[in-house]
Amino acid sequence: MTSASNVLGGTLQPCSTSPQTGYYRDGCCNTGSGDYGAHTVCAQMTPAFLEFTKNQGNDLCTPVPAYEFPGLKPGDRWCVCASRWKEALDAGVAPPVVLESTHALTLEYVSFNELKPYAV
C-alpha cells in the first residue's frame, strides 16, 4: 500500500491502535476500492455522536468480534465514514477529528473549512 495523504497535505498518520481502527485494521484511516463507506475520518467519539450513529442504524458501542470490532466508548478514536461524519455535522453532533489522521479522500465529502473547527 502506498503512503496516503491527509487533509493537511502531509502523510496520513495513525488514528488508533487501541482500539485497532481502519478499514484494513491497520490503525490508519486508509481506504481502497472495497471500502464503499469511505472510512476516512479519524474521529474522537462523543456520547452525542455515538447515539446519533446508533439511531442511524450503526451501533458503534456493541462489540462484534466476527469483524474484529471491540465496541467504542467516548474518547476512543475511530475511522468513521466521511458521509456519516457529514450527516452528524448537519445534525449538529459531529465529533472532533484528528486532521493529521484523516485521509485526503474525505475532502470529496466535506470541505476542509467544515473539518477545521472540529480539529483536536
PDB file of N, CA and C in Angstrom:
ATOM      1  N   MET A   1       0.847  -1.183   0.000  1.00  0.00           N
ATOM      2  CA  MET A   1       0.000   0.000   0.000  1.00  0.00           C
ATOM      3  C   MET A   1       0.890   1.244   0.000  1.00  0.00           C
ATOM      4  N   THR A   2       0.572   2.176  -0.870  1.00  0.00           N
ATOM      5  CA  THR A   2       1.352   3.397  -0.938  1.00  0.00           C
ATOM      6  C   THR A   2       0.998   4.301   0.238  1.00  0.00           C
ATOM      7  N   SER A   3       1.885   5.221   0.555  1.00  0.00           N
ATOM      8  CA  SER A   3       1.592   6.122   1.660  1.00  0.00           C
ATOM      9  C   SER A   3       0.531   7.122   1.211  1.00  0.00           C
ATOM     10  N   ALA A   4      -0.493   7.249   2.029  1.00  0.00           N
ATOM     11  CA  ALA A   4      -1.621   8.120   1.714  1.00  0.00           C
ATOM     12  C   ALA A   4      -1.377   9.512   2.278  1.00  0.00           C
ATOM     13  N   SER A   5      -2.149  10.456   1.775  1.00  0.00           N
ATOM     14  CA  SER A   5      -2.076  11.832   2.270  1.00  0.00           C
ATOM     15  C   SER A   5      -3.247  12.122   3.190  1.00  0.00           C
ATOM     16  N   ASN A   6      -3.013  13.066   4.097  1.00  0.00           N
ATOM     17  CA  ASN A   6      -4.085  13.514   4.971  1.00  0.00           C
ATOM     18  C   ASN A   6      -4.693  14.805   4.426  1.00  0.00           C
ATOM     19  N   VAL A   7      -5.725  15.311   5.105  1.00  0.00           N
ATOM     20  CA  VAL A   7      -6.420  16.517   4.640  1.00  0.00           C
ATOM     21  C   VAL A   7      -5.556  17.774   4.729  1.00  0.00           C
ATOM     22  N   LEU A   8      -4.421  17.690   5.401  1.00  0.00           N
ATOM     23  CA  LEU A   8      -3.496  18.815   5.501  1.00  0.00           C
ATOM     24  C   LEU A   8      -2.444  18.787   4.391  1.00  0.00           C
ATOM     25  N   GLY A   9      -2.447  17.692   3.598  1.00  0.00           N
ATOM     26  CA  GLY A   9      -1.481  17.547   2.522  1.00  0.00           C
ATOM     27  C   GLY A   9      -0.234  16.794   2.907  1.00  0.00           C
ATOM     28  N   GLY A  10      -0.141  16.375   4.162  1.00  0.00           N
ATOM     29  CA  GLY A  10       1.005  15.601   4.634  1.00  0.00           C
ATOM     30  C   GLY A  10       0.725  14.105   4.574  1.00  0.00           C
ATOM     31  N   THR A  11       1.637  13.337   5.142  1.00  0.00           N
ATOM     32  CA  THR A  11       1.484  11.888   5.192  1.00  0.00           C
ATOM     33  C   THR A  11       0.444  11.512   6.237  1.00  0.00           C
ATOM     34  N   LEU A  12      -0.460  10.610   5.869  1.00  0.00           N
ATOM     35  CA  LEU A  12      -1.501  10.140   6.778  1.00  0.00           C
ATOM     36  C   LEU A  12      -0.873   9.512   8.014  1.00  0.00           C
ATOM     37  N   GLN A  13      -1.281   9.980   9.185  1.00  0.00           N
ATOM     38  CA  GLN A  13      -0.763   9.481  10.462  1.00  0.00           C
ATOM     39  C   GLN A  13      -1.736   8.465  11.059  1.00  0.00           C
ATOM     40  N   PRO A  14      -1.250   7.588  11.948  1.00  0.00           N
ATOM     41  CA  PRO A  14      -2.154   6.626  12.588  1.00  0.00           C
ATOM     42  C   PRO A  14      -3.275   7.324  13.360  1.00  0.00           C
ATOM     43  N   CYS A  15      -4.422   6.683  13.389  1.00  0.00           N
ATOM     44  CA  CYS A  15      -5.592   7.197  14.110  1.00  0.00           C
ATOM     45  C   CYS A  15      -5.678   6.532  15.483  1.00  0.00           C
ATOM     46  N   SER A  16      -5.685   5.193  15.508  1.00  0.00           N
ATOM     47  CA  SER A  16      -5.770   4.476  16.782  1.00  0.00           C
ATOM     48  C   SER A  16      -5.349   3.022  16.615  1.00  0.00           C
ATOM     49  N   THR A  17      -4.561   2.560  17.570  1.00  0.00           N
ATOM     50  CA  THR A  17      -4.229   1.134  17.617  1.00  0.00           C
ATOM     51  C   THR A  17      -4.872   0.476  18.832  1.00  0.00           C
ATOM     52  N   SER A  18      -5.519   1.279  19.670  1.00  0.00           N
ATOM     53  CA  SER A  18      -6.234   0.744  20.831  1.00  0.00           C
ATOM     54  C   SER A  18      -7.460   1.616  21.095  1.00  0.00           C
ATOM     55  N   PRO A  19      -8.592   1.264  20.487  1.00  0.00           N
ATOM     56  CA  PRO A  19      -8.836   0.077  19.658  1.00  0.00           C
ATOM     57  C   PRO A  19      -8.209   0.199  18.268  1.00  0.00           C
ATOM     58  N   GLN A  20      -7.934  -0.958  17.682  1.00  0.00           N
ATOM     59  CA  GLN A  20      -7.317  -1.029  16.355  1.00  0.00           C
ATOM     60  C   GLN A  20      -8.362  -0.639  15.314  1.00  0.00           C
ATOM     61  N   THR A  21      -8.154   0.480  14.656  1.00  0.00           N
ATOM     62  CA  THR A  21      -9.146   1.014  13.727  1.00  0.00           C
ATOM     63  C   THR A  21      -8.693   0.911  12.288  1.00  0.00           C
ATOM     64  N   GLY A  22      -9.520   1.426  11.407  1.00  0.00           N
ATOM     65  CA  GLY A  22      -9.219   1.481   9.986  1.00  0.00           C
ATOM     66  C   GLY A  22      -9.947   0.398   9.222  1.00  0.00           C
ATOM     67  N   TYR A  23     -10.306   0.703   7.999  1.00  0.00           N
ATOM     68  CA  TYR A  23     -10.963  -0.281   7.136  1.00  0.00           C
ATOM     69  C   TYR A  23     -10.114  -1.545   7.048  1.00  0.00           C
ATOM     70  N   TYR A  24      -8.798  -1.379   7.019  1.00  0.00           N
ATOM     71  CA  TYR A  24      -7.881  -2.526   6.943  1.00  0.00           C
ATOM     72  C   TYR A  24      -7.392  -2.969   8.320  1.00  0.00           C
ATOM     73  N   ARG A  25      -7.906  -2.348   9.384  1.00  0.00           N
ATOM     74  CA  ARG A  25      -7.493  -2.613  10.770  1.00  0.00           C
ATOM     75  C   ARG A  25      -5.973  -2.488  10.906  1.00  0.00           C
ATOM     76  N   ASP A  26      -5.461  -1.408  10.282  1.00  0.00           N
ATOM     77  CA  ASP A  26      -4.023  -1.124  10.332  1.00  0.00           C
ATOM     78  C   ASP A  26      -3.716   0.087  11.216  1.00  0.00           C
ATOM     79  N   GLY A  27      -4.760   0.600  11.902  1.00  0.00           N
ATOM     80  CA  GLY A  27      -4.573   1.748  12.778  1.00  0.00           C
ATOM     81  C   GLY A  27      -4.702   3.090  12.075  1.00  0.00           C
ATOM     82  N   CYS A  28      -4.805   3.059  10.738  1.00  0.00           N
ATOM     83  CA  CYS A  28      -4.911   4.282   9.938  1.00  0.00           C
ATOM     84  C   CYS A  28      -6.227   4.309   9.181  1.00  0.00           C
ATOM     85  N   CYS A  29      -6.627   5.510   8.788  1.00  0.00           N
ATOM     86  CA  CYS A  29      -7.866   5.670   8.018  1.00  0.00           C
ATOM     87  C   CYS A  29      -7.594   5.536   6.522  1.00  0.00           C
ATOM     88  N   ASN A  30      -6.859   4.467   6.173  1.00  0.00           N
ATOM     89  CA  ASN A  30      -6.598   4.155   4.770  1.00  0.00           C
ATOM     90  C   ASN A  30      -7.886   3.674   4.123  1.00  0.00           C
ATOM     91  N   THR A  31      -7.949   3.794   2.816  1.00  0.00           N
ATOM     92  CA  THR A  31      -9.134   3.365   2.086  1.00  0.00           C
ATOM     93  C   THR A  31      -8.709   2.708   0.785  1.00  0.00           C
ATOM     94  N   GLY A  32      -9.634   2.027   0.159  1.00  0.00           N
ATOM     95  CA  GLY A  32      -9.356   1.359  -1.102  1.00  0.00           C
ATOM     96  C   GLY A  32     -10.656   1.068  -1.822  1.00  0.00           C
ATOM     97  N   SER A  33     -10.563   0.358  -2.933  1.00  0.00           N
ATOM     98  CA  SER A  33     -11.727   0.127  -3.784  1.00  0.00           C
ATOM     99  C   SER A  33     -12.853  -0.638  -3.083  1.00  0.00           C
ATOM    100  N   GLY A  34     -12.527  -1.469  -2.100  1.00  0.00           N
ATOM    101  CA  GLY A  34     -13.560  -2.227  -1.397  1.00  0.00           C
ATOM    102  C   GLY A  34     -14.223  -1.474  -0.257  1.00  0.00           C
ATOM    103  N   ASP A  35     -13.697  -0.313   0.068  1.00  0.00           N
ATOM    104  CA  ASP A  35     -14.222   0.480   1.189  1.00  0.00           C
ATOM    105  C   ASP A  35     -15.332   1.407   0.696  1.00  0.00           C
ATOM    106  N   TYR A  36     -16.513   0.834   0.506  1.00  0.00           N
ATOM    107  CA  TYR A  36     -17.627   1.604  -0.057  1.00  0.00           C
ATOM    108  C   TYR A  36     -18.112   2.695   0.887  1.00  0.00           C
ATOM    109  N   GLY A  37     -17.838   2.577   2.175  1.00  0.00           N
ATOM    110  CA  GLY A  37     -18.251   3.592   3.132  1.00  0.00           C
ATOM    111  C   GLY A  37     -17.260   4.726   3.297  1.00  0.00           C
ATOM    112  N   ALA A  38     -16.093   4.616   2.678  1.00  0.00           N
ATOM    113  CA  ALA A  38     -15.034   5.625   2.824  1.00  0.00           C
ATOM    114  C   ALA A  38     -14.783   5.945   4.292  1.00  0.00           C
ATOM    115  N   HIS A  39     -14.238   4.964   5.017  1.00  0.00           N
ATOM    116  CA  HIS A  39     -13.909   5.102   6.445  1.00  0.00           C
ATOM    117  C   HIS A  39     -12.625   5.916   6.580  1.00  0.00           C
ATOM    118  N   THR A  40     -12.731   7.225   6.332  1.00  0.00           N
ATOM    119  CA  THR A  40     -11.550   8.060   6.163  1.00  0.00           C
ATOM    120  C   THR A  40     -11.389   9.157   7.200  1.00  0.00           C
ATOM    121  N   VAL A  41     -12.377   9.346   8.071  1.00  0.00           N
ATOM    122  CA  VAL A  41     -12.321  10.420   9.063  1.00  0.00           C
ATOM    123  C   VAL A  41     -11.886   9.837  10.409  1.00  0.00           C
ATOM    124  N   CYS A  42     -10.766  10.323  10.928  1.00  0.00           N
ATOM    125  CA  CYS A  42     -10.316   9.912  12.256  1.00  0.00           C
ATOM    126  C   CYS A  42     -11.064  10.775  13.266  1.00  0.00           C
ATOM    127  N   ALA A  43     -12.084  10.181  13.873  1.00  0.00           N
ATOM    128  CA  ALA A  43     -12.960  10.908  14.788  1.00  0.00           C
ATOM    129  C   ALA A  43     -12.761  10.436  16.220  1.00  0.00           C
ATOM    130  N   GLN A  44     -12.888  11.381  17.141  1.00  0.00           N
ATOM    131  CA  GLN A  44     -12.842  11.058  18.570  1.00  0.00           C
ATOM    132  C   GLN A  44     -14.293  10.961  19.037  1.00  0.00           C
ATOM    133  N   MET A  45     -14.655   9.785  19.507  1.00  0.00           N
ATOM    134  CA  MET A  45     -16.048   9.511  19.854  1.00  0.00           C
ATOM    135  C   MET A  45     -16.557  10.403  20.988  1.00  0.00           C
ATOM    136  N   THR A  46     -17.791  10.827  20.831  1.00  0.00           N
ATOM    137  CA  THR A  46     -18.507  11.585  21.862  1.00  0.00           C
ATOM    138  C   THR A  46     -19.818  10.866  22.133  1.00  0.00           C
ATOM    139  N   PRO A  47     -20.415  11.057  23.314  1.00  0.00           N
ATOM    140  CA  PRO A  47     -21.711  10.431  23.573  1.00  0.00           C
ATOM    141  C   PRO A  47     -22.760  10.819  22.522  1.00  0.00           C
ATOM    142  N   ALA A  48     -22.786  12.088  22.118  1.00  0.00           N
ATOM    143  CA  ALA A  48     -23.781  12.550  21.147  1.00  0.00           C
ATOM    144  C   ALA A  48     -23.608  11.870  19.790  1.00  0.00           C
ATOM    145  N   PHE A  49     -22.352  11.722  19.331  1.00  0.00           N
ATOM    146  CA  PHE A  49     -22.129  11.074  18.045  1.00  0.00           C
ATOM    147  C   PHE A  49     -22.470   9.589  18.117  1.00  0.00           C
ATOM    148  N   LEU A  50     -22.075   8.925  19.198  1.00  0.00           N
ATOM    149  CA  LEU A  50     -22.378   7.500  19.337  1.00  0.00           C
ATOM    150  C   LEU A  50     -23.889   7.261  19.327  1.00  0.00           C
ATOM    151  N   GLU A  51     -24.639   8.115  19.982  1.00  0.00           N
ATOM    152  CA  GLU A  51     -26.094   8.000  19.989  1.00  0.00           C
ATOM    153  C   GLU A  51     -26.654   8.287  18.599  1.00  0.00           C
ATOM    154  N   PHE A  52     -26.134   9.318  17.942  1.00  0.00           N
ATOM    155  CA  PHE A  52     -26.585   9.678  16.597  1.00  0.00           C
ATOM    156  C   PHE A  52     -26.401   8.525  15.628  1.00  0.00           C
ATOM    157  N   THR A  53     -25.212   7.956  15.595  1.00  0.00           N
ATOM    158  CA  THR A  53     -24.937   6.900  14.622  1.00  0.00           C
ATOM    159  C   THR A  53     -25.734   5.633  14.952  1.00  0.00           C
ATOM    160  N   LYS A  54     -25.964   5.375  16.227  1.00  0.00           N
ATOM    161  CA  LYS A  54     -26.814   4.235  16.602  1.00  0.00           C
ATOM    162  C   LYS A  54     -28.229   4.460  16.073  1.00  0.00           C
ATOM    163  N   ASN A  55     -28.739   5.668  16.200  1.00  0.00           N
ATOM    164  CA  ASN A  55     -30.076   5.986  15.696  1.00  0.00           C
ATOM    165  C   ASN A  55     -30.159   5.910  14.175  1.00  0.00           C
ATOM    166  N   GLN A  56     -29.010   5.984  13.505  1.00  0.00           N
ATOM    167  CA  GLN A  56     -28.948   5.856  12.049  1.00  0.00           C
ATOM    168  C   GLN A  56     -28.779   4.388  11.618  1.00  0.00           C
ATOM    169  N   GLY A  57     -28.743   3.475  12.601  1.00  0.00           N
ATOM    170  CA  GLY A  57     -28.638   2.050  12.295  1.00  0.00           C
ATOM    171  C   GLY A  57     -27.243   1.468  12.391  1.00  0.00           C
ATOM    172  N   ASN A  58     -26.286   2.242  12.910  1.00  0.00           N
ATOM    173  CA  ASN A  58     -24.912   1.744  13.044  1.00  0.00           C
ATOM    174  C   ASN A  58     -24.479   1.886  14.500  1.00  0.00           C
ATOM    175  N   ASP A  59     -24.693   0.836  15.265  1.00  0.00           N
ATOM    176  CA  ASP A  59     -24.342   0.810  16.684  1.00  0.00           C
ATOM    177  C   ASP A  59     -22.835   0.605  16.828  1.00  0.00           C
ATOM    178  N   LEU A  60     -22.136   1.651  17.230  1.00  0.00           N
ATOM    179  CA  LEU A  60     -20.686   1.570  17.404  1.00  0.00           C
ATOM    180  C   LEU A  60     -20.280   1.197  18.823  1.00  0.00           C
ATOM    181  N   CYS A  61     -21.240   1.009  19.698  1.00  0.00           N
ATOM    182  CA  CYS A  61     -20.924   0.695  21.100  1.00  0.00           C
ATOM    183  C   CYS A  61     -20.869  -0.801  21.383  1.00  0.00           C
ATOM    184  N   THR A  62     -21.612  -1.591  20.632  1.00  0.00           N
ATOM    185  CA  THR A  62     -21.702  -3.027  20.876  1.00  0.00           C
ATOM    186  C   THR A  62     -20.589  -3.771  20.143  1.00  0.00           C
ATOM    187  N   PRO A  63     -19.784  -4.561  20.871  1.00  0.00           N
ATOM    188  CA  PRO A  63     -18.717  -5.326  20.215  1.00  0.00           C
ATOM    189  C   PRO A  63     -19.263  -6.334  19.198  1.00  0.00           C
ATOM    190  N   VAL A  64     -18.517  -6.512  18.094  1.00  0.00           N
ATOM    191  CA  VAL A  64     -18.830  -7.516  17.082  1.00  0.00           C
ATOM    192  C   VAL A  64     -17.516  -8.246  16.777  1.00  0.00           C
ATOM    193  N   PRO A  65     -17.202  -9.281  17.578  1.00  0.00           N
ATOM    194  CA  PRO A  65     -15.920  -9.980  17.427  1.00  0.00           C
ATOM    195  C   PRO A  65     -15.667 -10.530  16.016  1.00  0.00           C
ATOM    196  N   ALA A  66     -16.702 -10.944  15.313  1.00  0.00           N
ATOM    197  CA  ALA A  66     -16.529 -11.507  13.970  1.00  0.00           C
ATOM    198  C   ALA A  66     -15.878 -10.513  13.010  1.00  0.00           C
ATOM    199  N   TYR A  67     -16.055  -9.215  13.277  1.00  0.00           N
ATOM    200  CA  TYR A  67     -15.457  -8.178  12.438  1.00  0.00           C
ATOM    201  C   TYR A  67     -14.305  -7.462  13.141  1.00  0.00           C
ATOM    202  N   GLU A  68     -13.785  -8.104  14.202  1.00  0.00           N
ATOM    203  CA  GLU A  68     -12.697  -7.522  14.995  1.00  0.00           C
ATOM    204  C   GLU A  68     -13.081  -6.126  15.500  1.00  0.00           C
ATOM    205  N   PHE A  69     -14.367  -5.971  15.858  1.00  0.00           N
ATOM    206  CA  PHE A  69     -14.865  -4.682  16.335  1.00  0.00           C
ATOM    207  C   PHE A  69     -15.085  -4.749  17.837  1.00  0.00           C
ATOM    208  N   PRO A  70     -14.354  -3.942  18.614  1.00  0.00           N
ATOM    209  CA  PRO A  70     -14.391  -4.042  20.071  1.00  0.00           C
ATOM    210  C   PRO A  70     -15.553  -3.317  20.739  1.00  0.00           C
ATOM    211  N   GLY A  71     -16.263  -2.477  19.994  1.00  0.00           N
ATOM    212  CA  GLY A  71     -17.248  -1.597  20.622  1.00  0.00           C
ATOM    213  C   GLY A  71     -16.513  -0.360  21.118  1.00  0.00           C
ATOM    214  N   LEU A  72     -17.115   0.793  20.934  1.00  0.00           N
ATOM    215  CA  LEU A  72     -16.437   2.052  21.251  1.00  0.00           C
ATOM    216  C   LEU A  72     -17.088   2.755  22.427  1.00  0.00           C
ATOM    217  N   LYS A  73     -16.296   3.616  23.051  1.00  0.00           N
ATOM    218  CA  LYS A  73     -16.784   4.446  24.155  1.00  0.00           C
ATOM    219  C   LYS A  73     -16.294   5.873  23.911  1.00  0.00           C
ATOM    220  N   PRO A  74     -16.926   6.848  24.555  1.00  0.00           N
ATOM    221  CA  PRO A  74     -16.467   8.228  24.385  1.00  0.00           C
ATOM    222  C   PRO A  74     -14.959   8.349  24.645  1.00  0.00           C
ATOM    223  N   GLY A  75     -14.304   9.108  23.793  1.00  0.00           N
ATOM    224  CA  GLY A  75     -12.854   9.303  23.896  1.00  0.00           C
ATOM    225  C   GLY A  75     -12.061   8.420  22.956  1.00  0.00           C
ATOM    226  N   ASP A  76     -12.641   7.270  22.553  1.00  0.00           N
ATOM    227  CA  ASP A  76     -11.954   6.409  21.589  1.00  0.00           C
ATOM    228  C   ASP A  76     -11.851   7.124  20.253  1.00  0.00           C
ATOM    229  N   ARG A  77     -10.790   6.831  19.521  1.00  0.00           N
ATOM    230  CA  ARG A  77     -10.636   7.339  18.160  1.00  0.00           C
ATOM    231  C   ARG A  77     -10.941   6.201  17.196  1.00  0.00           C
ATOM    232  N   TRP A  78     -11.662   6.549  16.117  1.00  0.00           N
ATOM    233  CA  TRP A  78     -12.115   5.520  15.180  1.00  0.00           C
ATOM    234  C   TRP A  78     -12.247   6.134  13.792  1.00  0.00           C
ATOM    235  N   CYS A  79     -11.940   5.356  12.775  1.00  0.00           N
ATOM    236  CA  CYS A  79     -12.108   5.810  11.393  1.00  0.00           C
ATOM    237  C   CYS A  79     -13.575   5.646  11.004  1.00  0.00           C
ATOM    238  N   VAL A  80     -14.265   6.752  10.877  1.00  0.00           N
ATOM    239  CA  VAL A  80     -15.684   6.707  10.545  1.00  0.00           C
ATOM    240  C   VAL A  80     -15.894   7.094   9.083  1.00  0.00           C
ATOM    241  N   CYS A  81     -17.039   6.721   8.556  1.00  0.00           N
ATOM    242  CA  CYS A  81     -17.395   7.054   7.183  1.00  0.00           C
ATOM    243  C   CYS A  81     -17.508   8.560   7.017  1.00  0.00           C
ATOM    244  N   ALA A  82     -16.914   9.060   5.951  1.00  0.00           N
ATOM    245  CA  ALA A  82     -16.950  10.502   5.693  1.00  0.00           C
ATOM    246  C   ALA A  82     -18.385  11.000   5.555  1.00  0.00           C
ATOM    247  N   SER A  83     -19.235  10.225   4.900  1.00  0.00           N
ATOM    248  CA  SER A  83     -20.624  10.654   4.724  1.00  0.00           C
ATOM    249  C   SER A  83     -21.371  10.682   6.053  1.00  0.00           C
ATOM    250  N   ARG A  84     -21.057   9.752   6.969  1.00  0.00           N
ATOM    251  CA  ARG A  84     -21.713   9.761   8.282  1.00  0.00           C
ATOM    252  C   ARG A  84     -21.244  10.962   9.107  1.00  0.00           C
ATOM    253  N   TRP A  85     -19.954  11.294   9.009  1.00  0.00           N
ATOM    254  CA  TRP A  85     -19.470  12.475   9.730  1.00  0.00           C
ATOM    255  C   TRP A  85     -20.189  13.721   9.222  1.00  0.00           C
ATOM    256  N   LYS A  86     -20.373  13.811   7.889  1.00  0.00           N
ATOM    257  CA  LYS A  86     -21.073  14.951   7.305  1.00  0.00           C
ATOM    258  C   LYS A  86     -22.530  14.993   7.781  1.00  0.00           C
ATOM    259  N   GLU A  87     -23.184  13.844   7.857  1.00  0.00           N
ATOM    260  CA  GLU A  87     -24.558  13.780   8.385  1.00  0.00           C
ATOM    261  C   GLU A  87     -24.597  14.287   9.820  1.00  0.00           C
ATOM    262  N   ALA A  88     -23.617  13.873  10.604  1.00  0.00           N
ATOM    263  CA  ALA A  88     -23.541  14.307  12.002  1.00  0.00           C
ATOM    264  C   ALA A  88     -23.295  15.809  12.080  1.00  0.00           C
ATOM    265  N   LEU A  89     -22.451  16.328  11.196  1.00  0.00           N
ATOM    266  CA  LEU A  89     -22.216  17.765  11.137  1.00  0.00           C
ATOM    267  C   LEU A  89     -23.529  18.498  10.875  1.00  0.00           C
ATOM    268  N   ASP A  90     -24.263  18.043   9.886  1.00  0.00           N
ATOM    269  CA  ASP A  90     -25.533  18.670   9.518  1.00  0.00           C
ATOM    270  C   ASP A  90     -26.551  18.584  10.657  1.00  0.00           C
ATOM    271  N   ALA A  91     -26.442  17.544  11.484  1.00  0.00           N
ATOM    272  CA  ALA A  91     -27.355  17.349  12.615  1.00  0.00           C
ATOM    273  C   ALA A  91     -26.867  18.046  13.887  1.00  0.00           C
ATOM    274  N   GLY A  92     -25.668  18.660  13.836  1.00  0.00           N
ATOM    275  CA  GLY A  92     -25.132  19.368  14.994  1.00  0.00           C
ATOM    276  C   GLY A  92     -24.454  18.502  16.030  1.00  0.00           C
ATOM    277  N   VAL A  93     -24.058  17.284  15.642  1.00  0.00           N
ATOM    278  CA  VAL A  93     -23.421  16.368  16.600  1.00  0.00           C
ATOM    279  C   VAL A  93     -22.102  15.781  16.078  1.00  0.00           C
ATOM    280  N   ALA A  94     -21.428  16.506  15.184  1.00  0.00           N
ATOM    281  CA  ALA A  94     -20.169  15.999  14.634  1.00  0.00           C
ATOM    282  C   ALA A  94     -19.124  15.858  15.741  1.00  0.00           C
ATOM    283  N   PRO A  95     -18.410  14.739  15.756  1.00  0.00           N
ATOM    284  CA  PRO A  95     -17.350  14.557  16.747  1.00  0.00           C
ATOM    285  C   PRO A  95     -16.066  15.265  16.313  1.00  0.00           C
ATOM    286  N   PRO A  96     -15.165  15.498  17.259  1.00  0.00           N
ATOM    287  CA  PRO A  96     -13.849  16.060  16.916  1.00  0.00           C
ATOM    288  C   PRO A  96     -13.104  15.147  15.943  1.00  0.00           C
ATOM    289  N   VAL A  97     -12.217  15.736  15.154  1.00  0.00           N
ATOM    290  CA  VAL A  97     -11.420  14.982  14.185  1.00  0.00           C
ATOM    291  C   VAL A  97      -9.931  15.250  14.391  1.00  0.00           C
ATOM    292  N   VAL A  98      -9.131  14.258  14.045  1.00  0.00           N
ATOM    293  CA  VAL A  98      -7.680  14.398  14.052  1.00  0.00           C
ATOM    294  C   VAL A  98      -7.282  14.607  12.592  1.00  0.00           C
ATOM    295  N   LEU A  99      -6.986  15.839  12.237  1.00  0.00           N
ATOM    296  CA  LEU A  99      -6.731  16.190  10.833  1.00  0.00           C
ATOM    297  C   LEU A  99      -5.546  15.429  10.253  1.00  0.00           C
ATOM    298  N   GLU A 100      -4.485  15.262  11.027  1.00  0.00           N
ATOM    299  CA  GLU A 100      -3.289  14.558  10.548  1.00  0.00           C
ATOM    300  C   GLU A 100      -3.586  13.091  10.227  1.00  0.00           C
ATOM    301  N   SER A 101      -4.658  12.567  10.806  1.00  0.00           N
ATOM    302  CA  SER A 101      -5.017  11.158  10.643  1.00  0.00           C
ATOM    303  C   SER A 101      -6.258  10.963   9.787  1.00  0.00           C
ATOM    304  N   THR A 102      -6.767  12.042   9.200  1.00  0.00           N
ATOM    305  CA  THR A 102      -7.949  11.984   8.342  1.00  0.00           C
ATOM    306  C   THR A 102      -7.505  11.990   6.887  1.00  0.00           C
ATOM    307  N   HIS A 103      -7.893  10.942   6.162  1.00  0.00           N
ATOM    308  CA  HIS A 103      -7.467  10.718   4.780  1.00  0.00           C
ATOM    309  C   HIS A 103      -7.948  11.845   3.866  1.00  0.00           C
ATOM    310  N   ALA A 104      -7.119  12.211   2.892  1.00  0.00           N
ATOM    311  CA  ALA A 104      -7.438  13.286   1.951  1.00  0.00           C
ATOM    312  C   ALA A 104      -8.729  13.029   1.176  1.00  0.00           C
ATOM    313  N   LEU A 105      -9.095  11.777   0.956  1.00  0.00           N
ATOM    314  CA  LEU A 105     -10.332  11.457   0.237  1.00  0.00           C
ATOM    315  C   LEU A 105     -11.556  12.058   0.933  1.00  0.00           C
ATOM    316  N   THR A 106     -11.448  12.324   2.212  1.00  0.00           N
ATOM    317  CA  THR A 106     -12.543  12.923   2.973  1.00  0.00           C
ATOM    318  C   THR A 106     -13.019  14.216   2.326  1.00  0.00           C
ATOM    319  N   LEU A 107     -12.103  14.935   1.688  1.00  0.00           N
ATOM    320  CA  LEU A 107     -12.441  16.233   1.100  1.00  0.00           C
ATOM    321  C   LEU A 107     -13.394  16.115  -0.090  1.00  0.00           C
ATOM    322  N   GLU A 108     -13.676  14.887  -0.534  1.00  0.00           N
ATOM    323  CA  GLU A 108     -14.703  14.682  -1.552  1.00  0.00           C
ATOM    324  C   GLU A 108     -16.103  14.701  -0.929  1.00  0.00           C
ATOM    325  N   TYR A 109     -16.184  14.616   0.395  1.00  0.00           N
ATOM    326  CA  TYR A 109     -17.451  14.549   1.112  1.00  0.00           C
ATOM    327  C   TYR A 109     -17.733  15.791   1.950  1.00  0.00           C
ATOM    328  N   VAL A 110     -16.667  16.398   2.441  1.00  0.00           N
ATOM    329  CA  VAL A 110     -16.786  17.535   3.350  1.00  0.00           C
ATOM    330  C   VAL A 110     -15.605  18.462   3.108  1.00  0.00           C
ATOM    331  N   SER A 111     -15.821  19.756   3.244  1.00  0.00           N
ATOM    332  CA  SER A 111     -14.735  20.705   2.969  1.00  0.00           C
ATOM    333  C   SER A 111     -13.778  20.806   4.161  1.00  0.00           C
ATOM    334  N   PHE A 112     -12.570  21.260   3.865  1.00  0.00           N
ATOM    335  CA  PHE A 112     -11.599  21.474   4.935  1.00  0.00           C
ATOM    336  C   PHE A 112     -12.122  22.511   5.926  1.00  0.00           C
ATOM    337  N   ASN A 113     -12.810  23.520   5.421  1.00  0.00           N
ATOM    338  CA  ASN A 113     -13.361  24.563   6.310  1.00  0.00           C
ATOM    339  C   ASN A 113     -14.426  24.017   7.244  1.00  0.00           C
ATOM    340  N   GLU A 114     -15.104  22.950   6.850  1.00  0.00           N
ATOM    341  CA  GLU A 114     -16.072  22.299   7.751  1.00  0.00           C
ATOM    342  C   GLU A 114     -15.358  21.437   8.785  1.00  0.00           C
ATOM    343  N   LEU A 115     -14.253  20.825   8.402  1.00  0.00           N
ATOM    344  CA  LEU A 115     -13.489  19.960   9.317  1.00  0.00           C
ATOM    345  C   LEU A 115     -12.716  20.763  10.362  1.00  0.00           C
ATOM    346  N   LYS A 116     -12.092  21.841   9.924  1.00  0.00           N
ATOM    347  CA  LYS A 116     -11.134  22.564  10.750  1.00  0.00           C
ATOM    348  C   LYS A 116     -11.641  22.964  12.133  1.00  0.00           C
ATOM    349  N   PRO A 117     -12.879  23.442  12.293  1.00  0.00           N
ATOM    350  CA  PRO A 117     -13.339  23.809  13.646  1.00  0.00           C
ATOM    351  C   PRO A 117     -13.445  22.614  14.607  1.00  0.00           C
ATOM    352  N   TYR A 118     -13.421  21.394  14.058  1.00  0.00           N
ATOM    353  CA  TYR A 118     -13.553  20.197  14.893  1.00  0.00           C
ATOM    354  C   TYR A 118     -12.206  19.538  15.186  1.00  0.00           C
ATOM    355  N   ALA A 119     -11.127  20.173  14.771  1.00  0.00           N
ATOM    356  CA  ALA A 119      -9.783  19.604  14.955  1.00  0.00           C
ATOM    357  C   ALA A 119      -9.419  19.498  16.431  1.00  0.00           C
ATOM    358  N   VAL A 120      -8.800  18.364  16.774  1.00  0.00           N
ATOM    359  CA  VAL A 120      -8.263  18.168  18.131  1.00  0.00           C
ATOM    360  C   VAL A 120      -6.756  18.142  18.063  1.00  0.00           C
TER     361      VAL A 120
END
